[in-house]
Amino acid sequence: MFGSAQQDFLAMSPLRLGICLSTFTSSLYF
């Protein structure tokens, strides 16, 4: 249970980071 939750977190981390990065860069350009 804990292992699967940790796996979900690891899989979600880069995605969330990419979203934050894309919104940050878009706010820079626009």
Protein backbone atom coordinates (compact mmCIF):
# COMPACT_ATOMS: atom_id res chain seq x y z
CA MET A 1 0.00 0.00 0.00
CA PHE A 2 2.69 2.46 1.01
CA GLY A 3 4.95 1.31 -1.83
CA SER A 4 2.27 1.93 -4.44
CA ALA A 5 1.54 5.36 -2.97
CA GLN A 6 5.24 6.20 -3.13
CA GLN A 7 5.33 5.01 -6.74
CA ASP A 8 2.35 7.25 -7.55
CA PHE A 9 4.11 10.21 -5.96
CA LEU A 10 7.30 9.55 -7.94
CA ALA A 11 5.28 9.29 -11.15
CA MET A 12 3.36 12.47 -10.38
CA SER A 13 6.38 14.56 -9.37
CA PRO A 14 7.90 15.12 -12.85
CA LEU A 15 4.45 15.76 -14.29
CA ARG A 16 3.67 18.41 -11.69
CA LEU A 17 7.13 19.90 -12.17
CA GLY A 18 6.58 20.10 -15.93
CA ILE A 19 3.23 21.84 -15.44
CA CYS A 20 4.75 24.40 -13.08
CA LEU A 21 7.63 24.94 -15.51
CA SER A 22 5.33 25.39 -18.51
CA THR A 23 3.11 27.88 -16.68
CA PHE A 24 6.19 29.79 -15.50
CA THR A 25 7.70 30.00 -19.00
CA SER A 26 4.36 30.95 -20.55
CA SER A 27 3.99 33.75 -17.98
CA LEU A 28 7.48 34.92 -18.97
CA TYR A 29 6.70 35.03 -22.69
CA PHE A 30 3.10 36.19 -22.40
